[in-house]
C-alpha atoms as a PDB file:
ATOM      1  CA  MET A   1     -31.596 141.590 -98.411  1.00  0.00           C
ATOM      2  CA  ASN A   2     -34.942 139.829 -98.859  1.00  0.00           C
ATOM      3  CA  THR A   3     -34.294 137.912 -96.227  1.00  0.00           C
ATOM      4  CA  GLU A   4     -32.782 140.972 -93.636  1.00  0.00           C
ATOM      5  CA  VAL A   5     -36.466 142.764 -94.331  1.00  0.00           C
ATOM      6  CA  MET A   6     -38.405 139.900 -94.265  1.00  0.00           C
ATOM      7  CA  ASN A   7     -36.837 138.961 -90.769  1.00  0.00           C
ATOM      8  CA  LEU A   8     -37.508 142.876 -89.848  1.00  0.00           C
ATOM      9  CA  SER A   9     -41.071 142.618 -90.784  1.00  0.00           C
ATOM     10  CA  ALA A  10     -41.455 139.755 -88.648  1.00  0.00           C
ATOM     11  CA  SER A  11     -40.198 141.291 -85.479  1.00  0.00           C
ATOM     12  CA  GLN A  12     -42.234 144.103 -85.792  1.00  0.00           C
ATOM     13  CA  VAL A  13     -45.166 141.856 -86.693  1.00  0.00           C
ATOM     14  CA  ALA A  14     -44.558 139.989 -83.454  1.00  0.00           C
ATOM     15  CA  GLU A  15     -43.873 143.326 -81.204  1.00  0.00           C
ATOM     16  CA  ARG A  16     -47.121 145.101 -82.573  1.00  0.00           C
ATOM     17  CA  SER A  17     -48.921 141.504 -81.287  1.00  0.00           C
ATOM     18  CA  PHE A  18     -47.313 141.525 -78.476  1.00  0.00           C
ATOM     19  CA  ILE A  19     -48.221 145.394 -77.549  1.00  0.00           C
ATOM     20  CA  SER A  20     -52.362 145.070 -78.480  1.00  0.00           C
ATOM     21  CA  LYS A  21     -51.741 142.473 -75.893  1.00  0.00           C
ATOM     22  CA  VAL A  22     -50.652 144.661 -73.055  1.00  0.00           C
ATOM     23  CA  TYR A  23     -53.507 146.926 -74.052  1.00  0.00           C
ATOM     24  CA  ILE A  24     -55.928 145.062 -74.487  1.00  0.00           C
ATOM     25  CA  TRP A  25     -54.778 143.361 -70.881  1.00  0.00           C
ATOM     26  CA  MET A  26     -54.427 146.909 -68.983  1.00  0.00           C
ATOM     27  CA  GLY A  27     -57.990 147.684 -70.567  1.00  0.00           C
ATOM     28  CA  LEU A  28     -59.450 144.846 -69.052  1.00  0.00           C
ATOM     29  CA  GLY A  29     -57.922 145.933 -65.687  1.00  0.00           C
ATOM     30  CA  LEU A  30     -59.658 148.821 -65.866  1.00  0.00           C
ATOM     31  CA  LEU A  31     -62.526 147.530 -67.019  1.00  0.00           C
ATOM     32  CA  VAL A  32     -62.672 144.734 -63.789  1.00  0.00           C
ATOM     33  CA  THR A  33     -62.131 147.560 -61.635  1.00  0.00           C
ATOM     34  CA  ALA A  34     -64.175 149.763 -63.022  1.00  0.00           C
ATOM     35  CA  ILE A  35     -66.979 147.285 -62.653  1.00  0.00           C
ATOM     36  CA  THR A  36     -66.077 145.864 -59.452  1.00  0.00           C
ATOM     37  CA  ALA A  37     -66.026 149.700 -57.592  1.00  0.00           C
ATOM     38  CA  TYR A  38     -69.474 150.324 -58.939  1.00  0.00           C
ATOM     39  CA  PHE A  39     -71.342 146.877 -57.046  1.00  0.00           C
ATOM     40  CA  VAL A  40     -69.281 148.355 -54.318  1.00  0.00           C
ATOM     41  CA  VAL A  41     -70.976 150.991 -54.056  1.00  0.00           C
ATOM     42  CA  SER A  42     -74.654 150.294 -55.461  1.00  0.00           C
ATOM     43  CA  SER A  43     -74.250 147.331 -52.996  1.00  0.00           C
ATOM     44  CA  GLY A  44     -73.235 149.346 -49.674  1.00  0.00           C
ATOM     45  CA  PHE A  45     -70.263 147.334 -48.853  1.00  0.00           C
ATOM     46  CA  VAL A  46     -68.259 150.626 -49.463  1.00  0.00           C
ATOM     47  CA  TYR A  47     -69.956 152.160 -46.263  1.00  0.00           C
ATOM     48  CA  THR A  48     -68.521 148.854 -44.690  1.00  0.00           C
ATOM     49  CA  LEU A  49     -64.972 149.444 -45.837  1.00  0.00           C
ATOM     50  CA  ALA A  50     -64.576 153.074 -44.774  1.00  0.00           C
ATOM     51  CA  GLN A  51     -66.007 152.033 -41.267  1.00  0.00           C
ATOM     52  CA  ASN A  52     -63.837 148.845 -41.100  1.00  0.00           C
ATOM     53  CA  SER A  53     -60.536 150.205 -40.700  1.00  0.00           C
ATOM     54  CA  ILE A  54     -58.532 146.692 -40.923  1.00  0.00           C
ATOM     55  CA  LEU A  55     -60.357 145.115 -43.928  1.00  0.00           C
ATOM     56  CA  PHE A  56     -59.536 148.602 -45.914  1.00  0.00           C
ATOM     57  CA  TYR A  57     -55.081 148.688 -45.071  1.00  0.00           C
ATOM     58  CA  GLY A  58     -56.380 144.433 -45.027  1.00  0.00           C
ATOM     59  CA  THR A  59     -57.299 144.733 -48.741  1.00  0.00           C
ATOM     60  CA  ILE A  60     -54.660 147.165 -49.569  1.00  0.00           C
ATOM     61  CA  ILE A  61     -51.836 144.960 -48.009  1.00  0.00           C
ATOM     62  CA  ALA A  62     -53.218 141.889 -50.001  1.00  0.00           C
ATOM     63  CA  GLU A  63     -52.866 144.498 -53.256  1.00  0.00           C
ATOM     64  CA  PHE A  64     -49.057 145.762 -52.094  1.00  0.00           C
ATOM     65  CA  GLY A  65     -48.527 141.496 -51.493  1.00  0.00           C
ATOM     66  CA  LEU A  66     -49.603 140.804 -54.890  1.00  0.00           C
ATOM     67  CA  VAL A  67     -48.203 143.039 -56.954  1.00  0.00           C
ATOM     68  CA  ILE A  68     -44.939 141.916 -55.372  1.00  0.00           C
ATOM     69  CA  TYR A  69     -45.696 138.316 -55.838  1.00  0.00           C
ATOM     70  CA  LEU A  70     -46.310 138.763 -59.547  1.00  0.00           C
ATOM     71  CA  SER A  71     -42.954 140.623 -59.566  1.00  0.00           C
ATOM     72  CA  SER A  72     -40.647 137.928 -58.338  1.00  0.00           C
ATOM     73  CA  ARG A  73     -42.563 135.012 -58.913  1.00  0.00           C
ATOM     74  CA  ILE A  74     -43.151 135.832 -62.768  1.00  0.00           C
ATOM     75  CA  GLN A  75     -40.917 133.755 -64.648  1.00  0.00           C
ATOM     76  CA  LYS A  76     -41.463 130.851 -62.487  1.00  0.00           C
ATOM     77  CA  MET A  77     -45.365 130.846 -62.440  1.00  0.00           C
ATOM     78  CA  SER A  78     -47.700 129.655 -65.748  1.00  0.00           C
ATOM     79  CA  ALA A  79     -49.491 132.093 -68.070  1.00  0.00           C
ATOM     80  CA  GLU A  80     -52.879 130.881 -66.056  1.00  0.00           C
ATOM     81  CA  ALA A  81     -51.780 131.631 -62.731  1.00  0.00           C
ATOM     82  CA  ALA A  82     -49.903 135.359 -63.903  1.00  0.00           C
ATOM     83  CA  THR A  83     -53.105 136.485 -65.572  1.00  0.00           C
ATOM     84  CA  THR A  84     -55.218 135.010 -62.957  1.00  0.00           C
ATOM     85  CA  SER A  85     -53.223 136.983 -60.504  1.00  0.00           C
ATOM     86  CA  PHE A  86     -53.909 140.148 -62.730  1.00  0.00           C
ATOM     87  CA  ILE A  87     -57.439 139.839 -62.393  1.00  0.00           C
ATOM     88  CA  ILE A  88     -57.826 139.628 -58.156  1.00  0.00           C
ATOM     89  CA  TYR A  89     -55.792 142.437 -58.455  1.00  0.00           C
ATOM     90  CA  SER A  90     -57.955 144.690 -60.487  1.00  0.00           C
ATOM     91  CA  VAL A  91     -60.817 143.396 -58.243  1.00  0.00           C
ATOM     92  CA  LEU A  92     -58.696 144.537 -55.185  1.00  0.00           C
ATOM     93  CA  ASN A  93     -57.885 147.441 -56.503  1.00  0.00           C
ATOM     94  CA  GLY A  94     -61.618 147.856 -57.456  1.00  0.00           C
ATOM     95  CA  ILE A  95     -62.303 147.299 -53.846  1.00  0.00           C
ATOM     96  CA  THR A  96     -60.625 150.181 -52.570  1.00  0.00           C
ATOM     97  CA  ILE A  97     -60.472 152.654 -55.414  1.00  0.00           C
ATOM     98  CA  SER A  98     -64.609 152.332 -54.777  1.00  0.00           C
ATOM     99  CA  LEU A  99     -63.842 155.345 -51.873  1.00  0.00           C
ATOM    100  CA  ILE A 100     -64.060 157.799 -53.892  1.00  0.00           C
ATOM    101  CA  LEU A 101     -67.058 157.315 -55.528  1.00  0.00           C
ATOM    102  CA  LEU A 102     -67.803 158.892 -51.511  1.00  0.00           C
ATOM    103  CA  ILE A 103     -65.458 161.740 -51.905  1.00  0.00           C
ATOM    104  CA  TYR A 104     -66.293 163.196 -55.453  1.00  0.00           C
ATOM    105  CA  THR A 105     -68.630 164.024 -57.299  1.00  0.00           C
ATOM    106  CA  GLY A 106     -69.256 161.974 -60.553  1.00  0.00           C
ATOM    107  CA  ALA A 107     -69.211 164.421 -62.907  1.00  0.00           C
ATOM    108  CA  SER A 108     -65.739 165.456 -62.114  1.00  0.00           C
ATOM    109  CA  ILE A 109     -64.187 161.612 -62.056  1.00  0.00           C
ATOM    110  CA  ALA A 110     -65.911 160.986 -65.575  1.00  0.00           C
ATOM    111  CA  SER A 111     -64.324 164.209 -66.676  1.00  0.00           C
ATOM    112  CA  THR A 112     -60.704 163.496 -64.429  1.00  0.00           C
ATOM    113  CA  PHE A 113     -60.798 159.876 -66.355  1.00  0.00           C
ATOM    114  CA  MET A 114     -60.939 161.488 -69.937  1.00  0.00           C
ATOM    115  CA  THR A 115     -58.170 163.846 -69.089  1.00  0.00           C
ATOM    116  CA  THR A 116     -55.798 161.152 -67.851  1.00  0.00           C
ATOM    117  CA  ALA A 117     -57.163 158.538 -70.598  1.00  0.00           C
ATOM    118  CA  LEU A 118     -55.332 161.201 -72.665  1.00  0.00           C
ATOM    119  CA  THR A 119     -52.685 162.418 -70.782  1.00  0.00           C
ATOM    120  CA  PHE A 120     -51.651 158.645 -71.055  1.00  0.00           C
ATOM    121  CA  GLY A 121     -51.981 157.870 -74.599  1.00  0.00           C
ATOM    122  CA  ALA A 122     -50.007 160.804 -75.553  1.00  0.00           C
ATOM    123  CA  MET A 123     -47.198 159.910 -73.683  1.00  0.00           C
ATOM    124  CA  SER A 124     -47.360 156.321 -74.100  1.00  0.00           C
ATOM    125  CA  ALA A 125     -47.557 157.177 -77.501  1.00  0.00           C
ATOM    126  CA  TYR A 126     -44.222 159.148 -77.706  1.00  0.00           C
ATOM    127  CA  GLY A 127     -41.928 156.552 -75.885  1.00  0.00           C
ATOM    128  CA  TYR A 128     -43.429 154.030 -78.663  1.00  0.00           C
ATOM    129  CA  PHE A 129     -42.588 156.247 -81.286  1.00  0.00           C
ATOM    130  CA  THR A 130     -39.709 158.741 -79.713  1.00  0.00           C
ATOM    131  CA  LYS A 131     -36.305 156.942 -81.298  1.00  0.00           C
ATOM    132  CA  ARG A 132     -34.470 158.312 -77.957  1.00  0.00           C
ATOM    133  CA  ASP A 133     -33.835 156.245 -75.556  1.00  0.00           C
ATOM    134  CA  LEU A 134     -35.178 156.654 -72.194  1.00  0.00           C
ATOM    135  CA  THR A 135     -33.010 154.540 -70.409  1.00  0.00           C
ATOM    136  CA  SER A 136     -31.713 157.261 -68.623  1.00  0.00           C
ATOM    137  CA  MET A 137     -34.787 158.305 -67.476  1.00  0.00           C
ATOM    138  CA  ARG A 138     -34.701 154.937 -65.336  1.00  0.00           C
ATOM    139  CA  SER A 139     -32.968 156.484 -62.019  1.00  0.00           C
ATOM    140  CA  TYR A 140     -34.418 159.796 -61.552  1.00  0.00           C
ATOM    141  CA  LEU A 141     -38.187 157.811 -62.418  1.00  0.00           C
ATOM    142  CA  MET A 142     -37.179 155.927 -58.906  1.00  0.00           C
ATOM    143  CA  MET A 143     -35.732 158.226 -57.492  1.00  0.00           C
ATOM    144  CA  GLY A 144     -38.828 161.074 -57.892  1.00  0.00           C
ATOM    145  CA  LEU A 145     -41.127 157.424 -56.755  1.00  0.00           C
ATOM    146  CA  VAL A 146     -39.189 156.844 -54.318  1.00  0.00           C
ATOM    147  CA  GLY A 147     -39.855 160.611 -52.534  1.00  0.00           C
ATOM    148  CA  LEU A 148     -43.130 160.513 -53.674  1.00  0.00           C
ATOM    149  CA  ILE A 149     -44.143 157.612 -50.970  1.00  0.00           C
ATOM    150  CA  ILE A 150     -41.930 158.797 -48.235  1.00  0.00           C
ATOM    151  CA  ALA A 151     -43.808 162.994 -49.169  1.00  0.00           C
ATOM    152  CA  SER A 152     -46.722 160.962 -49.210  1.00  0.00           C
ATOM    153  CA  VAL A 153     -46.735 158.939 -45.666  1.00  0.00           C
ATOM    154  CA  ILE A 154     -44.812 161.414 -43.440  1.00  0.00           C
ATOM    155  CA  ASN A 155     -48.047 163.967 -44.990  1.00  0.00           C
ATOM    156  CA  MET A 156     -50.067 161.232 -43.321  1.00  0.00           C
ATOM    157  CA  PHE A 157     -49.412 162.289 -39.733  1.00  0.00           C
ATOM    158  CA  TRP A 158     -48.245 165.745 -41.278  1.00  0.00           C
ATOM    159  CA  ALA A 159     -51.511 166.586 -43.045  1.00  0.00           C
ATOM    160  CA  ASN A 160     -50.097 169.983 -44.629  1.00  0.00           C
ATOM    161  CA  SER A 161     -51.942 171.058 -47.283  1.00  0.00           C
ATOM    162  CA  THR A 162     -49.226 172.882 -49.165  1.00  0.00           C
ATOM    163  CA  MET A 163     -46.980 169.388 -49.726  1.00  0.00           C
ATOM    164  CA  TYR A 164     -49.969 167.325 -50.408  1.00  0.00           C
ATOM    165  CA  TRP A 165     -50.844 170.132 -53.120  1.00  0.00           C
ATOM    166  CA  ILE A 166     -46.920 169.428 -53.824  1.00  0.00           C
ATOM    167  CA  ILE A 167     -47.450 165.108 -53.799  1.00  0.00           C
ATOM    168  CA  SER A 168     -50.508 166.128 -56.280  1.00  0.00           C
ATOM    169  CA  TYR A 169     -48.423 168.089 -58.846  1.00  0.00           C
ATOM    170  CA  ALA A 170     -45.034 165.715 -58.137  1.00  0.00           C
ATOM    171  CA  GLY A 171     -47.059 162.759 -59.148  1.00  0.00           C
ATOM    172  CA  VAL A 172     -48.735 163.773 -62.066  1.00  0.00           C
ATOM    173  CA  LEU A 173     -45.138 165.008 -63.572  1.00  0.00           C
ATOM    174  CA  LEU A 174     -43.460 161.534 -62.185  1.00  0.00           C
ATOM    175  CA  PHE A 175     -46.191 159.306 -63.543  1.00  0.00           C
ATOM    176  CA  VAL A 176     -46.068 160.893 -67.273  1.00  0.00           C
ATOM    177  CA  GLY A 177     -43.046 160.472 -66.993  1.00  0.00           C
ATOM    178  CA  LEU A 178     -43.188 156.963 -66.071  1.00  0.00           C
ATOM    179  CA  THR A 179     -46.339 156.137 -68.492  1.00  0.00           C
ATOM    180  CA  ALA A 180     -43.200 157.209 -71.717  1.00  0.00           C
ATOM    181  CA  TYR A 181     -40.540 155.005 -70.411  1.00  0.00           C
ATOM    182  CA  ASP A 182     -42.348 152.069 -68.956  1.00  0.00           C
ATOM    183  CA  THR A 183     -43.853 152.020 -72.950  1.00  0.00           C
ATOM    184  CA  GLN A 184     -40.413 152.378 -74.343  1.00  0.00           C
ATOM    185  CA  LYS A 185     -39.121 149.775 -72.296  1.00  0.00           C
ATOM    186  CA  ILE A 186     -42.411 147.179 -73.285  1.00  0.00           C
ATOM    187  CA  LYS A 187     -42.172 147.965 -76.431  1.00  0.00           C
ATOM    188  CA  LYS A 188     -38.416 146.892 -75.720  1.00  0.00           C
ATOM    189  CA  ILE A 189     -39.590 143.470 -74.212  1.00  0.00           C
ATOM    190  CA  GLY A 190     -41.729 142.193 -77.276  1.00  0.00           C
ATOM    191  CA  ALA A 191     -39.178 142.663 -79.491  1.00  0.00           C
ATOM    192  CA  VAL A 192     -37.074 139.838 -77.679  1.00  0.00           C
ATOM    193  CA  VAL A 193     -39.958 137.892 -76.025  1.00  0.00           C
ATOM    194  CA  GLU A 194     -40.709 134.422 -77.090  1.00  0.00           C
ATOM    195  CA  GLY A 195     -43.064 131.444 -76.536  1.00  0.00           C
ATOM    196  CA  VAL A 196     -46.482 131.316 -76.037  1.00  0.00           C
ATOM    197  CA  GLN A 197     -45.957 130.972 -72.453  1.00  0.00           C
ATOM    198  CA  ALA A 198     -43.380 133.874 -71.595  1.00  0.00           C
ATOM    199  CA  THR A 199     -45.826 135.944 -74.151  1.00  0.00           C
ATOM    200  CA  GLN A 200     -48.512 135.903 -72.368  1.00  0.00           C
ATOM    201  CA  LYS A 201     -46.587 136.110 -68.957  1.00  0.00           C
ATOM    202  CA  MET A 202     -44.983 139.438 -70.264  1.00  0.00           C
ATOM    203  CA  ALA A 203     -47.642 140.739 -71.672  1.00  0.00           C
ATOM    204  CA  ILE A 204     -49.500 140.989 -68.204  1.00  0.00           C
ATOM    205  CA  MET A 205     -46.321 141.877 -66.302  1.00  0.00           C
ATOM    206  CA  GLY A 206     -46.546 145.063 -68.943  1.00  0.00           C
ATOM    207  CA  ALA A 207     -50.387 145.198 -69.020  1.00  0.00           C
ATOM    208  CA  LEU A 208     -49.929 146.150 -64.940  1.00  0.00           C
ATOM    209  CA  THR A 209     -47.148 148.105 -65.479  1.00  0.00           C
ATOM    210  CA  LEU A 210     -48.899 150.616 -66.796  1.00  0.00           C
ATOM    211  CA  TYR A 211     -52.106 149.875 -65.064  1.00  0.00           C
ATOM    212  CA  LEU A 212     -50.613 151.016 -62.306  1.00  0.00           C
ATOM    213  CA  ASP A 213     -49.294 154.014 -64.319  1.00  0.00           C
ATOM    214  CA  PHE A 214     -52.428 154.806 -65.686  1.00  0.00           C
ATOM    215  CA  ILE A 215     -54.110 153.923 -61.980  1.00  0.00           C
ATOM    216  CA  ASN A 216     -52.472 156.447 -60.750  1.00  0.00           C
ATOM    217  CA  LEU A 217     -51.970 159.612 -62.501  1.00  0.00           C
ATOM    218  CA  PHE A 218     -55.398 159.344 -62.370  1.00  0.00           C
ATOM    219  CA  LEU A 219     -56.292 159.737 -58.208  1.00  0.00           C
ATOM    220  CA  PHE A 220     -52.806 162.504 -58.537  1.00  0.00           C
ATOM    221  CA  MET A 221     -55.301 164.161 -61.687  1.00  0.00           C
ATOM    222  CA  LEU A 222     -58.475 163.147 -59.403  1.00  0.00           C
ATOM    223  CA  ARG A 223     -57.029 165.574 -56.248  1.00  0.00           C
ATOM    224  CA  ILE A 224     -55.636 168.670 -58.035  1.00  0.00           C
ATOM    225  CA  LEU A 225     -59.225 168.531 -61.264  1.00  0.00           C
ATOM    226  CA  GLY A 226     -61.618 166.715 -59.012  1.00  0.00           C
ATOM    227  CA  ASN A 227     -64.922 168.894 -56.803  1.00  0.00           C
ATOM    228  CA  ARG A 228     -65.887 167.168 -53.980  1.00  0.00           C
ATOM    229  CA  LYS A 229     -68.582 166.310 -52.703  1.00  0.00           C
END
């Protein structure tokens, strides 16, 4: 009995240590993105980005490519390469996100960020502490994500204001659900992952997952709560 309790405690310590690493790296990624966006705007490069569609879409394509590369190659990469890729992605995202500073007021960006942080924190805490298995949500969340992407692409050409608001609210709901689901999934990984290299790589992937949830939740909330200049 004592041995079981000791093993359980060791497992819990490892799990909490893993989760801490995930949140630390996620926070670092957000910080890198924020600093990059600030320098892109303060240097005036944001205007070049706004006026050069090839540069803008090239950066977005590089972001998507890096996410796909990380997701498909994480098992074969070194922990150092995975970490570097995550930081590079955070920089690239900071470059593209800098454009919102031209569209929305600084006050509304700050208030929306705080609202996003509180919402994300609450849902992530729910995903971590709930006893309910959220695995059954996966298929619905994935279908919702695909549908959201398709609707967003269509509305880029259609430019329908009603569809814009439907997509915005649906996006918030979707990434609220994904935050809880992904947190629980990452918690389960933390309970079984072993080895320094494997732990670091899985922590980076967990950080990237929650980083994407946070950023997308923030962007959709900004569409609803943000005040345009």
